[in-house]
Amino acid sequence: MRKLLITVAVLLAVHAAFLVFSPRGTEAVGDADATRVGIVLDVGGRGDKSFNDGAYAGADSASRHLGADVRFIEPGEGADREAGLRLLAAEGMDLIMGIGFIFTDDLTVLSREYPNSRFAGVDFALATDDSGNVIPPPPNVAALKFREEEGSFLVGALAALVGNSKRIGFIGGMDIPLIHKFEAGYRAGVKHVCPDCTVIAQYAGVTPEAFANPGRGKELALSQYQSGVNVIFHAAGATGGGLFEAARATGKLAIGVDADQAAEAPGRVLTSMIKGVNAAVYDAIARVEAGTFKGGVYSFGLAEGGVGYVYDDNNRALIPEVAHRRVEQLKAEIIAGRIKVPSTR
């Protein structure tokens, strides 16, 4: 009886914790055999027109094309994100996903508590041992990683080629190694085509909320534009919305991130550094559907089409053909291994 009471108490606690979340899900397909996927989104949630929306798009595509039954959980402000993951694991989902590096520790703990469940983490942070060797994730966890520095290199080169200024801007969200990869690649791309250019890099904060503060993003952007910067690249999630406001107000240029953000400031978005979060999420779900899911590290860069940059009718007029050809040449050299892009500052 005591064990039964403890079990009931635990389940009630988990469901009580779930009440602090705002769940949104795709419609169930009504197939009892459908792959059941539970996803907890990152800070900022849906509507960030960037990272989270990319994850949603990938899962929605898996729902429509593979018949997956997908359920989303958006943590409320200050909510315990582990509770969302734990609820999904307790419900026996076929795949539980955390969108963002912040879920790394929680996914690691839960994967050990539920060794027969499958987990995946977008931007899962890999630890290293005392010798600097990467420690693999638990065997039932897929670490979905991106070589963001490669795509950032290309947009950095483009910013220097068309910016008409020796001062080039960068705004990061949270000041952490993951976002340093964007800065490092961007800085390397700028310097590759313009050795005497200066990159002005600033961060919105040191907590996850730095990805959801457009007011701070606008403040930093206006300061950089006023200092002589003509192009700013952001890797700041919803905080980047402030950059686009500043670009519209000043008539200067912005570079989007994760998804094509041209619509945020029409005519003022030079390009966007695409990060295929949608493709990575879809791929993980497809592996479960096909019975081929395995834990391990999955890396997506230029060669795999996991990162890139936008060049289409929306921004073609902003990019001279000579600059486009130069960036395409650099892309080919990175893929071929002739250019090694740094991932640290």
C-alpha atoms as a PDB file:
ATOM      1  CA  MET A   1       0.000   0.000   0.000  1.00  0.00           C
ATOM      2  CA  ARG A   2       2.854   2.367   0.826  1.00  0.00           C
ATOM      3  CA  LYS A   3       4.424   1.779  -2.614  1.00  0.00           C
ATOM      4  CA  LEU A   4       1.062   2.428  -4.278  1.00  0.00           C
ATOM      5  CA  LEU A   5       0.647   5.710  -2.422  1.00  0.00           C
ATOM      6  CA  ILE A   6       4.153   6.814  -3.409  1.00  0.00           C
ATOM      7  CA  THR A   7       3.484   5.981  -7.063  1.00  0.00           C
ATOM      8  CA  VAL A   8       0.220   7.929  -7.045  1.00  0.00           C
ATOM      9  CA  ALA A   9       1.930  10.882  -5.374  1.00  0.00           C
ATOM     10  CA  VAL A  10       4.670  10.940  -8.001  1.00  0.00           C
ATOM     11  CA  LEU A  11       2.170  10.871 -10.871  1.00  0.00           C
ATOM     12  CA  LEU A  12       0.128  13.649  -9.286  1.00  0.00           C
ATOM     13  CA  ALA A  13       3.264  15.736  -8.843  1.00  0.00           C
ATOM     14  CA  VAL A  14       4.228  15.297 -12.471  1.00  0.00           C
ATOM     15  CA  HIS A  15       0.775  16.266 -13.695  1.00  0.00           C
ATOM     16  CA  ALA A  16       0.669  19.217 -11.325  1.00  0.00           C
ATOM     17  CA  ALA A  17       3.993  20.389 -12.718  1.00  0.00           C
ATOM     18  CA  PHE A  18       2.526  20.120 -16.190  1.00  0.00           C
ATOM     19  CA  LEU A  19      -0.053  22.755 -15.280  1.00  0.00           C
ATOM     20  CA  VAL A  20       2.653  25.465 -15.429  1.00  0.00           C
ATOM     21  CA  PHE A  21       3.118  24.688 -19.097  1.00  0.00           C
ATOM     22  CA  SER A  22       1.150  25.874 -22.072  1.00  0.00           C
ATOM     23  CA  PRO A  23       0.877  22.778 -24.329  1.00  0.00           C
ATOM     24  CA  ARG A  24       0.247  23.027 -28.011  1.00  0.00           C
ATOM     25  CA  GLY A  25       0.124  19.994 -30.247  1.00  0.00           C
ATOM     26  CA  THR A  26      -0.550  18.959 -33.761  1.00  0.00           C
ATOM     27  CA  GLU A  27      -3.786  17.101 -34.284  1.00  0.00           C
ATOM     28  CA  ALA A  28      -3.548  13.419 -33.600  1.00  0.00           C
ATOM     29  CA  VAL A  29      -3.701  11.320 -36.740  1.00  0.00           C
ATOM     30  CA  GLY A  30      -5.997   8.815 -35.057  1.00  0.00           C
ATOM     31  CA  ASP A  31      -3.720   5.839 -35.803  1.00  0.00           C
ATOM     32  CA  ALA A  32      -2.984   3.723 -32.740  1.00  0.00           C
ATOM     33  CA  ASP A  33       0.241   2.584 -34.385  1.00  0.00           C
ATOM     34  CA  ALA A  34       1.477   6.112 -35.121  1.00  0.00           C
ATOM     35  CA  THR A  35       4.880   7.119 -33.793  1.00  0.00           C
ATOM     36  CA  ARG A  36       4.235   9.218 -30.697  1.00  0.00           C
ATOM     37  CA  VAL A  37       6.599  12.157 -30.323  1.00  0.00           C
ATOM     38  CA  GLY A  38       6.772  14.615 -27.441  1.00  0.00           C
ATOM     39  CA  ILE A  39       8.674  17.879 -27.858  1.00  0.00           C
ATOM     40  CA  VAL A  40       9.507  20.518 -25.262  1.00  0.00           C
ATOM     41  CA  LEU A  41      10.359  23.823 -26.906  1.00  0.00           C
ATOM     42  CA  ASP A  42      13.069  26.283 -25.907  1.00  0.00           C
ATOM     43  CA  VAL A  43      12.877  29.749 -24.337  1.00  0.00           C
ATOM     44  CA  GLY A  44      10.671  32.045 -26.406  1.00  0.00           C
ATOM     45  CA  GLY A  45       8.431  29.240 -27.622  1.00  0.00           C
ATOM     46  CA  ARG A  46       6.540  29.260 -30.882  1.00  0.00           C
ATOM     47  CA  GLY A  47       6.405  32.485 -32.807  1.00  0.00           C
ATOM     48  CA  ASP A  48      10.102  33.325 -32.464  1.00  0.00           C
ATOM     49  CA  LYS A  49      10.354  33.008 -36.276  1.00  0.00           C
ATOM     50  CA  SER A  50      13.686  31.322 -35.709  1.00  0.00           C
ATOM     51  CA  PHE A  51      14.862  28.342 -33.634  1.00  0.00           C
ATOM     52  CA  ASN A  52      11.603  27.099 -32.091  1.00  0.00           C
ATOM     53  CA  ASP A  53       9.575  27.695 -35.218  1.00  0.00           C
ATOM     54  CA  GLY A  54      12.112  25.618 -37.132  1.00  0.00           C
ATOM     55  CA  ALA A  55      11.651  22.721 -34.723  1.00  0.00           C
ATOM     56  CA  TYR A  56       7.869  23.057 -34.974  1.00  0.00           C
ATOM     57  CA  ALA A  57       8.044  23.045 -38.780  1.00  0.00           C
ATOM     58  CA  GLY A  58      10.119  19.854 -38.820  1.00  0.00           C
ATOM     59  CA  ALA A  59       7.785  18.054 -36.448  1.00  0.00           C
ATOM     60  CA  ASP A  60       4.697  19.298 -38.274  1.00  0.00           C
ATOM     61  CA  SER A  61       6.159  17.989 -41.513  1.00  0.00           C
ATOM     62  CA  ALA A  62       6.746  14.603 -39.864  1.00  0.00           C
ATOM     63  CA  SER A  63       3.148  14.629 -38.692  1.00  0.00           C
ATOM     64  CA  ARG A  64       1.836  15.336 -42.192  1.00  0.00           C
ATOM     65  CA  HIS A  65       4.194  13.131 -44.199  1.00  0.00           C
ATOM     66  CA  LEU A  66       5.010  10.290 -41.810  1.00  0.00           C
ATOM     67  CA  GLY A  67       1.797  10.204 -39.800  1.00  0.00           C
ATOM     68  CA  ALA A  68       3.612  10.908 -36.534  1.00  0.00           C
ATOM     69  CA  ASP A  69       1.448  11.938 -33.583  1.00  0.00           C
ATOM     70  CA  VAL A  70       3.296  14.986 -32.208  1.00  0.00           C
ATOM     71  CA  ARG A  71       2.655  16.779 -28.940  1.00  0.00           C
ATOM     72  CA  PHE A  72       4.332  20.072 -28.029  1.00  0.00           C
ATOM     73  CA  ILE A  73       4.970  21.582 -24.622  1.00  0.00           C
ATOM     74  CA  GLU A  74       5.988  25.222 -24.223  1.00  0.00           C
ATOM     75  CA  PRO A  75       7.478  25.951 -20.810  1.00  0.00           C
ATOM     76  CA  GLY A  76       5.987  29.000 -19.162  1.00  0.00           C
ATOM     77  CA  GLU A  77       8.227  31.688 -17.741  1.00  0.00           C
ATOM     78  CA  GLY A  78      10.276  30.284 -14.865  1.00  0.00           C
ATOM     79  CA  ALA A  79       8.771  26.809 -15.331  1.00  0.00           C
ATOM     80  CA  ASP A  80      10.719  23.636 -14.617  1.00  0.00           C
ATOM     81  CA  ARG A  81      11.470  22.305 -18.086  1.00  0.00           C
ATOM     82  CA  GLU A  82      12.409  18.909 -16.704  1.00  0.00           C
ATOM     83  CA  ALA A  83       8.780  18.403 -15.657  1.00  0.00           C
ATOM     84  CA  GLY A  84       7.686  18.573 -19.284  1.00  0.00           C
ATOM     85  CA  LEU A  85      10.259  16.028 -20.414  1.00  0.00           C
ATOM     86  CA  ARG A  86       9.479  13.799 -17.451  1.00  0.00           C
ATOM     87  CA  LEU A  87       5.757  13.863 -18.215  1.00  0.00           C
ATOM     88  CA  LEU A  88       6.381  12.803 -21.813  1.00  0.00           C
ATOM     89  CA  ALA A  89       8.738  10.024 -20.737  1.00  0.00           C
ATOM     90  CA  ALA A  90       6.220   8.770 -18.149  1.00  0.00           C
ATOM     91  CA  GLU A  91       3.561   8.644 -20.858  1.00  0.00           C
ATOM     92  CA  GLY A  92       5.746   6.317 -22.916  1.00  0.00           C
ATOM     93  CA  MET A  93       6.344   8.496 -25.955  1.00  0.00           C
ATOM     94  CA  ASP A  94       8.322   6.800 -28.728  1.00  0.00           C
ATOM     95  CA  LEU A  95      10.621   9.829 -28.907  1.00  0.00           C
ATOM     96  CA  ILE A  96      11.118  12.666 -26.426  1.00  0.00           C
ATOM     97  CA  MET A  97      12.890  15.772 -27.714  1.00  0.00           C
ATOM     98  CA  GLY A  98      14.300  18.856 -25.998  1.00  0.00           C
ATOM     99  CA  ILE A  99      14.841  21.843 -28.257  1.00  0.00           C
ATOM    100  CA  GLY A 100      17.916  23.711 -27.093  1.00  0.00           C
ATOM    101  CA  PHE A 101      21.150  23.191 -25.173  1.00  0.00           C
ATOM    102  CA  ILE A 102      19.393  24.020 -21.906  1.00  0.00           C
ATOM    103  CA  PHE A 103      17.808  20.534 -21.889  1.00  0.00           C
ATOM    104  CA  THR A 104      21.148  18.682 -21.954  1.00  0.00           C
ATOM    105  CA  ASP A 105      21.351  17.815 -18.259  1.00  0.00           C
ATOM    106  CA  ASP A 106      17.674  16.905 -18.028  1.00  0.00           C
ATOM    107  CA  LEU A 107      17.863  14.629 -21.065  1.00  0.00           C
ATOM    108  CA  THR A 108      20.968  12.943 -19.655  1.00  0.00           C
ATOM    109  CA  VAL A 109      19.274  12.233 -16.321  1.00  0.00           C
ATOM    110  CA  LEU A 110      15.999  11.028 -17.829  1.00  0.00           C
ATOM    111  CA  SER A 111      17.700   8.830 -20.422  1.00  0.00           C
ATOM    112  CA  ARG A 112      19.223   6.852 -17.554  1.00  0.00           C
ATOM    113  CA  GLU A 113      15.934   6.635 -15.676  1.00  0.00           C
ATOM    114  CA  TYR A 114      14.177   5.468 -18.865  1.00  0.00           C
ATOM    115  CA  PRO A 115      16.817   3.336 -20.656  1.00  0.00           C
ATOM    116  CA  ASN A 116      14.242   1.843 -23.022  1.00  0.00           C
ATOM    117  CA  SER A 117      12.994   5.233 -24.214  1.00  0.00           C
ATOM    118  CA  ARG A 118      14.470   7.300 -27.038  1.00  0.00           C
ATOM    119  CA  PHE A 119      15.566  10.885 -26.550  1.00  0.00           C
ATOM    120  CA  ALA A 120      16.961  13.576 -28.819  1.00  0.00           C
ATOM    121  CA  GLY A 121      18.354  17.004 -28.054  1.00  0.00           C
ATOM    122  CA  VAL A 122      18.822  19.807 -30.545  1.00  0.00           C
ATOM    123  CA  ASP A 123      22.113  21.552 -29.682  1.00  0.00           C
ATOM    124  CA  PHE A 124      22.806  18.903 -27.022  1.00  0.00           C
ATOM    125  CA  ALA A 125      25.944  20.073 -25.227  1.00  0.00           C
ATOM    126  CA  LEU A 126      28.683  17.450 -25.293  1.00  0.00           C
ATOM    127  CA  ALA A 127      31.044  17.278 -22.329  1.00  0.00           C
ATOM    128  CA  THR A 128      34.756  16.486 -22.512  1.00  0.00           C
ATOM    129  CA  ASP A 129      37.006  14.458 -20.224  1.00  0.00           C
ATOM    130  CA  ASP A 130      40.201  15.656 -18.550  1.00  0.00           C
ATOM    131  CA  SER A 131      42.133  14.946 -21.766  1.00  0.00           C
ATOM    132  CA  GLY A 132      39.775  17.022 -23.885  1.00  0.00           C
ATOM    133  CA  ASN A 133      38.102  14.028 -25.524  1.00  0.00           C
ATOM    134  CA  VAL A 134      34.379  14.321 -26.245  1.00  0.00           C
ATOM    135  CA  ILE A 135      32.210  12.189 -23.979  1.00  0.00           C
ATOM    136  CA  PRO A 136      29.482  10.511 -26.062  1.00  0.00           C
ATOM    137  CA  PRO A 137      25.846  11.067 -25.037  1.00  0.00           C
ATOM    138  CA  PRO A 138      23.971   8.190 -23.353  1.00  0.00           C
ATOM    139  CA  PRO A 139      23.264   5.346 -25.811  1.00  0.00           C
ATOM    140  CA  ASN A 140      19.561   6.195 -26.110  1.00  0.00           C
ATOM    141  CA  VAL A 141      20.151   9.911 -26.788  1.00  0.00           C
ATOM    142  CA  ALA A 142      20.690  11.454 -30.223  1.00  0.00           C
ATOM    143  CA  ALA A 143      22.722  14.666 -29.931  1.00  0.00           C
ATOM    144  CA  LEU A 144      21.675  16.811 -32.895  1.00  0.00           C
ATOM    145  CA  LYS A 145      24.549  19.214 -33.514  1.00  0.00           C
ATOM    146  CA  PHE A 146      25.200  21.878 -36.132  1.00  0.00           C
ATOM    147  CA  ARG A 147      28.385  23.399 -37.470  1.00  0.00           C
ATOM    148  CA  GLU A 148      26.935  26.878 -37.168  1.00  0.00           C
ATOM    149  CA  GLU A 149      30.360  28.401 -37.652  1.00  0.00           C
ATOM    150  CA  GLU A 150      30.384  27.312 -41.322  1.00  0.00           C
ATOM    151  CA  GLY A 151      27.184  29.137 -42.257  1.00  0.00           C
ATOM    152  CA  SER A 152      28.213  32.100 -40.108  1.00  0.00           C
ATOM    153  CA  PHE A 153      31.497  32.309 -42.008  1.00  0.00           C
ATOM    154  CA  LEU A 154      29.601  32.795 -45.260  1.00  0.00           C
ATOM    155  CA  VAL A 155      27.313  35.544 -43.973  1.00  0.00           C
ATOM    156  CA  GLY A 156      30.313  37.227 -42.350  1.00  0.00           C
ATOM    157  CA  ALA A 157      32.110  37.307 -45.688  1.00  0.00           C
ATOM    158  CA  LEU A 158      28.970  38.664 -47.340  1.00  0.00           C
ATOM    159  CA  ALA A 159      28.585  41.382 -44.686  1.00  0.00           C
ATOM    160  CA  ALA A 160      32.134  42.556 -45.310  1.00  0.00           C
ATOM    161  CA  LEU A 161      31.767  42.407 -49.091  1.00  0.00           C
ATOM    162  CA  VAL A 162      28.638  44.572 -49.293  1.00  0.00           C
ATOM    163  CA  GLY A 163      28.574  46.504 -46.021  1.00  0.00           C
ATOM    164  CA  ASN A 164      30.526  49.540 -47.213  1.00  0.00           C
ATOM    165  CA  SER A 165      32.049  49.908 -43.754  1.00  0.00           C
ATOM    166  CA  LYS A 166      35.087  48.570 -41.936  1.00  0.00           C
ATOM    167  CA  ARG A 167      32.902  48.038 -38.872  1.00  0.00           C
ATOM    168  CA  ILE A 168      30.731  44.917 -38.908  1.00  0.00           C
ATOM    169  CA  GLY A 169      28.214  44.053 -36.171  1.00  0.00           C
ATOM    170  CA  PHE A 170      27.209  40.905 -34.284  1.00  0.00           C
ATOM    171  CA  ILE A 171      24.578  40.465 -31.549  1.00  0.00           C
ATOM    172  CA  GLY A 172      24.447  37.232 -29.577  1.00  0.00           C
ATOM    173  CA  GLY A 173      21.751  36.109 -27.171  1.00  0.00           C
ATOM    174  CA  MET A 174      23.172  34.296 -24.156  1.00  0.00           C
ATOM    175  CA  ASP A 175      26.945  34.574 -23.729  1.00  0.00           C
ATOM    176  CA  ILE A 176      27.763  30.859 -23.997  1.00  0.00           C
ATOM    177  CA  PRO A 177      30.038  28.602 -26.103  1.00  0.00           C
ATOM    178  CA  LEU A 178      27.179  27.638 -28.449  1.00  0.00           C
ATOM    179  CA  ILE A 179      26.643  31.252 -29.536  1.00  0.00           C
ATOM    180  CA  HIS A 180      30.401  31.820 -29.587  1.00  0.00           C
ATOM    181  CA  LYS A 181      30.426  29.392 -32.536  1.00  0.00           C
ATOM    182  CA  PHE A 182      28.289  31.810 -34.524  1.00  0.00           C
ATOM    183  CA  GLU A 183      30.531  34.722 -33.575  1.00  0.00           C
ATOM    184  CA  ALA A 184      33.746  32.815 -34.307  1.00  0.00           C
ATOM    185  CA  GLY A 185      32.627  31.754 -37.778  1.00  0.00           C
ATOM    186  CA  TYR A 186      31.208  35.186 -38.572  1.00  0.00           C
ATOM    187  CA  ARG A 187      34.379  36.920 -37.441  1.00  0.00           C
ATOM    188  CA  ALA A 188      36.516  34.520 -39.502  1.00  0.00           C
ATOM    189  CA  GLY A 189      34.411  35.133 -42.611  1.00  0.00           C
ATOM    190  CA  VAL A 190      34.685  38.899 -42.216  1.00  0.00           C
ATOM    191  CA  LYS A 191      38.449  38.723 -41.732  1.00  0.00           C
ATOM    192  CA  HIS A 192      38.916  36.339 -44.655  1.00  0.00           C
ATOM    193  CA  VAL A 193      37.706  38.910 -47.178  1.00  0.00           C
ATOM    194  CA  CYS A 194      38.525  42.073 -45.211  1.00  0.00           C
ATOM    195  CA  PRO A 195      41.549  41.626 -42.915  1.00  0.00           C
ATOM    196  CA  ASP A 196      41.404  45.219 -41.667  1.00  0.00           C
ATOM    197  CA  CYS A 197      37.703  45.125 -40.777  1.00  0.00           C
ATOM    198  CA  THR A 198      36.618  45.233 -37.115  1.00  0.00           C
ATOM    199  CA  VAL A 199      33.818  43.062 -35.755  1.00  0.00           C
ATOM    200  CA  ILE A 200      31.775  44.631 -32.954  1.00  0.00           C
ATOM    201  CA  ALA A 201      30.297  41.732 -30.932  1.00  0.00           C
ATOM    202  CA  GLN A 202      27.859  42.178 -28.050  1.00  0.00           C
ATOM    203  CA  TYR A 203      25.616  39.821 -26.070  1.00  0.00           C
ATOM    204  CA  ALA A 204      22.161  40.394 -24.638  1.00  0.00           C
ATOM    205  CA  GLY A 205      22.817  38.619 -21.329  1.00  0.00           C
ATOM    206  CA  VAL A 206      24.076  35.602 -19.428  1.00  0.00           C
ATOM    207  CA  THR A 207      20.805  33.749 -18.756  1.00  0.00           C
ATOM    208  CA  PRO A 208      18.419  31.943 -21.135  1.00  0.00           C
ATOM    209  CA  GLU A 209      16.122  34.983 -21.049  1.00  0.00           C
ATOM    210  CA  ALA A 210      18.733  36.702 -23.232  1.00  0.00           C
ATOM    211  CA  PHE A 211      17.084  34.889 -26.139  1.00  0.00           C
ATOM    212  CA  ALA A 212      13.715  36.528 -25.452  1.00  0.00           C
ATOM    213  CA  ASN A 213      14.473  40.237 -24.987  1.00  0.00           C
ATOM    214  CA  PRO A 214      13.808  42.198 -28.205  1.00  0.00           C
ATOM    215  CA  GLY A 215      14.073  45.491 -26.311  1.00  0.00           C
ATOM    216  CA  ARG A 216      17.679  44.724 -25.448  1.00  0.00           C
ATOM    217  CA  GLY A 217      18.301  43.578 -29.015  1.00  0.00           C
ATOM    218  CA  LYS A 218      17.078  46.905 -30.383  1.00  0.00           C
ATOM    219  CA  GLU A 219      19.191  48.850 -27.887  1.00  0.00           C
ATOM    220  CA  LEU A 220      22.371  47.003 -28.898  1.00  0.00           C
ATOM    221  CA  ALA A 221      21.586  47.286 -32.609  1.00  0.00           C
ATOM    222  CA  LEU A 222      20.947  51.016 -32.518  1.00  0.00           C
ATOM    223  CA  SER A 223      24.204  51.538 -30.623  1.00  0.00           C
ATOM    224  CA  GLN A 224      26.155  49.590 -33.228  1.00  0.00           C
ATOM    225  CA  TYR A 225      24.486  51.296 -36.175  1.00  0.00           C
ATOM    226  CA  GLN A 226      25.222  54.689 -34.645  1.00  0.00           C
ATOM    227  CA  SER A 227      28.887  53.718 -34.289  1.00  0.00           C
ATOM    228  CA  GLY A 228      29.288  53.255 -38.044  1.00  0.00           C
ATOM    229  CA  VAL A 229      28.187  49.642 -38.479  1.00  0.00           C
ATOM    230  CA  ASN A 230      26.037  49.070 -41.571  1.00  0.00           C
ATOM    231  CA  VAL A 231      25.348  45.329 -41.238  1.00  0.00           C
ATOM    232  CA  ILE A 232      24.565  43.326 -38.086  1.00  0.00           C
ATOM    233  CA  PHE A 233      24.187  39.549 -37.789  1.00  0.00           C
ATOM    234  CA  HIS A 234      22.213  38.224 -34.824  1.00  0.00           C
ATOM    235  CA  ALA A 235      22.239  34.813 -33.150  1.00  0.00           C
ATOM    236  CA  ALA A 236      19.789  35.749 -30.434  1.00  0.00           C
ATOM    237  CA  GLY A 237      16.433  34.040 -31.002  1.00  0.00           C
ATOM    238  CA  ALA A 238      13.463  36.313 -30.312  1.00  0.00           C
ATOM    239  CA  THR A 239      15.854  39.031 -29.110  1.00  0.00           C
ATOM    240  CA  GLY A 240      16.756  39.455 -32.772  1.00  0.00           C
ATOM    241  CA  GLY A 241      13.345  41.013 -33.302  1.00  0.00           C
ATOM    242  CA  GLY A 242      14.814  44.177 -31.854  1.00  0.00           C
ATOM    243  CA  LEU A 243      17.567  44.147 -34.457  1.00  0.00           C
ATOM    244  CA  PHE A 244      14.986  44.125 -37.236  1.00  0.00           C
ATOM    245  CA  GLU A 245      13.155  47.045 -35.633  1.00  0.00           C
ATOM    246  CA  ALA A 246      16.429  48.976 -35.570  1.00  0.00           C
ATOM    247  CA  ALA A 247      17.194  48.075 -39.192  1.00  0.00           C
ATOM    248  CA  ARG A 248      13.788  49.366 -40.310  1.00  0.00           C
ATOM    249  CA  ALA A 249      14.235  52.560 -38.292  1.00  0.00           C
ATOM    250  CA  THR A 250      17.744  53.328 -39.564  1.00  0.00           C
ATOM    251  CA  GLY A 251      17.532  51.966 -43.106  1.00  0.00           C
ATOM    252  CA  LYS A 252      20.570  49.775 -42.465  1.00  0.00           C
ATOM    253  CA  LEU A 253      20.989  46.028 -42.955  1.00  0.00           C
ATOM    254  CA  ALA A 254      20.422  43.008 -40.747  1.00  0.00           C
ATOM    255  CA  ILE A 255      21.260  39.326 -41.126  1.00  0.00           C
ATOM    256  CA  GLY A 256      18.773  36.783 -39.787  1.00  0.00           C
ATOM    257  CA  VAL A 257      19.457  33.420 -38.195  1.00  0.00           C
ATOM    258  CA  ASP A 258      18.147  29.839 -38.151  1.00  0.00           C
ATOM    259  CA  ALA A 259      15.361  30.532 -40.675  1.00  0.00           C
ATOM    260  CA  ASP A 260      14.765  32.949 -43.550  1.00  0.00           C
ATOM    261  CA  GLN A 261      13.842  36.152 -41.708  1.00  0.00           C
ATOM    262  CA  ALA A 262      13.448  38.428 -44.729  1.00  0.00           C
ATOM    263  CA  ALA A 263       9.838  39.175 -43.804  1.00  0.00           C
ATOM    264  CA  GLU A 264      10.915  40.747 -40.507  1.00  0.00           C
ATOM    265  CA  ALA A 265      12.303  43.819 -42.260  1.00  0.00           C
ATOM    266  CA  PRO A 266      11.524  43.680 -45.996  1.00  0.00           C
ATOM    267  CA  GLY A 267      14.317  45.165 -48.071  1.00  0.00           C
ATOM    268  CA  ARG A 268      16.585  45.472 -45.026  1.00  0.00           C
ATOM    269  CA  VAL A 269      17.565  41.813 -44.474  1.00  0.00           C
ATOM    270  CA  LEU A 270      20.763  41.171 -46.386  1.00  0.00           C
ATOM    271  CA  THR A 271      20.459  37.395 -45.886  1.00  0.00           C
ATOM    272  CA  SER A 272      19.818  34.828 -43.155  1.00  0.00           C
ATOM    273  CA  MET A 273      22.111  32.109 -41.865  1.00  0.00           C
ATOM    274  CA  ILE A 274      19.956  29.031 -42.191  1.00  0.00           C
ATOM    275  CA  LYS A 275      20.198  26.357 -39.528  1.00  0.00           C
ATOM    276  CA  GLY A 276      18.252  23.261 -40.473  1.00  0.00           C
ATOM    277  CA  VAL A 277      16.575  22.613 -37.127  1.00  0.00           C
ATOM    278  CA  ASN A 278      13.508  21.519 -39.100  1.00  0.00           C
ATOM    279  CA  ALA A 279      15.514  18.941 -41.042  1.00  0.00           C
ATOM    280  CA  ALA A 280      17.234  17.586 -37.922  1.00  0.00           C
ATOM    281  CA  VAL A 281      13.937  17.188 -36.052  1.00  0.00           C
ATOM    282  CA  TYR A 282      12.290  15.532 -39.046  1.00  0.00           C
ATOM    283  CA  ASP A 283      15.287  13.199 -39.480  1.00  0.00           C
ATOM    284  CA  ALA A 284      15.151  12.043 -35.853  1.00  0.00           C
ATOM    285  CA  ILE A 285      11.432  11.300 -36.085  1.00  0.00           C
ATOM    286  CA  ALA A 286      11.915   9.512 -39.417  1.00  0.00           C
ATOM    287  CA  ARG A 287      14.582   7.275 -37.859  1.00  0.00           C
ATOM    288  CA  VAL A 288      12.173   6.238 -35.124  1.00  0.00           C
ATOM    289  CA  GLU A 289       9.459   5.617 -37.710  1.00  0.00           C
ATOM    290  CA  ALA A 290      11.837   3.450 -39.758  1.00  0.00           C
ATOM    291  CA  GLY A 291      13.186   1.581 -36.752  1.00  0.00           C
ATOM    292  CA  THR A 292      16.734   2.844 -37.344  1.00  0.00           C
ATOM    293  CA  PHE A 293      17.033   5.308 -34.471  1.00  0.00           C
ATOM    294  CA  LYS A 294      20.334   5.129 -32.620  1.00  0.00           C
ATOM    295  CA  GLY A 295      21.910   7.306 -30.001  1.00  0.00           C
ATOM    296  CA  GLY A 296      25.077   9.206 -30.824  1.00  0.00           C
ATOM    297  CA  VAL A 297      26.220  12.476 -32.296  1.00  0.00           C
ATOM    298  CA  TYR A 298      24.657  13.723 -35.526  1.00  0.00           C
ATOM    299  CA  SER A 299      26.453  16.702 -37.071  1.00  0.00           C
ATOM    300  CA  PHE A 300      24.948  18.953 -39.746  1.00  0.00           C
ATOM    301  CA  GLY A 301      27.105  21.435 -41.666  1.00  0.00           C
ATOM    302  CA  LEU A 302      27.436  22.862 -45.167  1.00  0.00           C
ATOM    303  CA  ALA A 303      28.234  19.472 -46.692  1.00  0.00           C
ATOM    304  CA  GLU A 304      25.061  17.943 -45.253  1.00  0.00           C
ATOM    305  CA  GLY A 305      22.901  20.953 -46.038  1.00  0.00           C
ATOM    306  CA  GLY A 306      22.460  21.541 -42.316  1.00  0.00           C
ATOM    307  CA  VAL A 307      23.511  25.194 -42.508  1.00  0.00           C
ATOM    308  CA  GLY A 308      23.647  27.740 -45.304  1.00  0.00           C
ATOM    309  CA  TYR A 309      22.557  31.213 -46.306  1.00  0.00           C
ATOM    310  CA  VAL A 310      19.625  32.708 -48.197  1.00  0.00           C
ATOM    311  CA  TYR A 311      19.990  34.010 -51.738  1.00  0.00           C
ATOM    312  CA  ASP A 312      16.676  34.421 -53.526  1.00  0.00           C
ATOM    313  CA  ASP A 313      14.313  36.973 -55.034  1.00  0.00           C
ATOM    314  CA  ASN A 314      13.840  38.687 -51.678  1.00  0.00           C
ATOM    315  CA  ASN A 315      17.488  39.715 -51.297  1.00  0.00           C
ATOM    316  CA  ARG A 316      19.052  39.326 -54.724  1.00  0.00           C
ATOM    317  CA  ALA A 317      18.969  43.087 -55.323  1.00  0.00           C
ATOM    318  CA  LEU A 318      21.030  43.644 -52.156  1.00  0.00           C
ATOM    319  CA  ILE A 319      23.842  41.294 -53.190  1.00  0.00           C
ATOM    320  CA  PRO A 320      25.986  42.120 -56.245  1.00  0.00           C
ATOM    321  CA  GLU A 321      26.675  39.095 -58.425  1.00  0.00           C
ATOM    322  CA  VAL A 322      30.416  39.373 -57.828  1.00  0.00           C
ATOM    323  CA  ALA A 323      29.806  39.080 -54.065  1.00  0.00           C
ATOM    324  CA  HIS A 324      27.488  36.123 -54.554  1.00  0.00           C
ATOM    325  CA  ARG A 325      30.088  34.305 -56.671  1.00  0.00           C
ATOM    326  CA  ARG A 326      32.750  34.943 -54.033  1.00  0.00           C
ATOM    327  CA  VAL A 327      30.589  33.517 -51.262  1.00  0.00           C
ATOM    328  CA  GLU A 328      29.742  30.459 -53.347  1.00  0.00           C
ATOM    329  CA  GLN A 329      33.457  29.918 -53.937  1.00  0.00           C
ATOM    330  CA  LEU A 330      34.106  30.117 -50.198  1.00  0.00           C
ATOM    331  CA  LYS A 331      31.287  27.646 -49.574  1.00  0.00           C
ATOM    332  CA  ALA A 332      32.874  25.152 -51.967  1.00  0.00           C
ATOM    333  CA  GLU A 333      36.270  25.572 -50.303  1.00  0.00           C
ATOM    334  CA  ILE A 334      34.821  24.905 -46.847  1.00  0.00           C
ATOM    335  CA  ILE A 335      33.047  21.765 -48.049  1.00  0.00           C
ATOM    336  CA  ALA A 336      36.241  20.579 -49.720  1.00  0.00           C
ATOM    337  CA  GLY A 337      38.182  21.150 -46.512  1.00  0.00           C
ATOM    338  CA  ARG A 338      40.453  23.829 -47.932  1.00  0.00           C
ATOM    339  CA  ILE A 339      39.117  26.396 -45.458  1.00  0.00           C
ATOM    340  CA  LYS A 340      38.946  25.349 -41.802  1.00  0.00           C
ATOM    341  CA  VAL A 341      36.407  27.461 -39.956  1.00  0.00           C
ATOM    342  CA  PRO A 342      37.072  28.045 -36.240  1.00  0.00           C
ATOM    343  CA  SER A 343      34.326  27.144 -33.768  1.00  0.00           C
ATOM    344  CA  THR A 344      35.764  29.011 -30.787  1.00  0.00           C
ATOM    345  CA  ARG A 345      36.653  32.628 -30.235  1.00  0.00           C
END
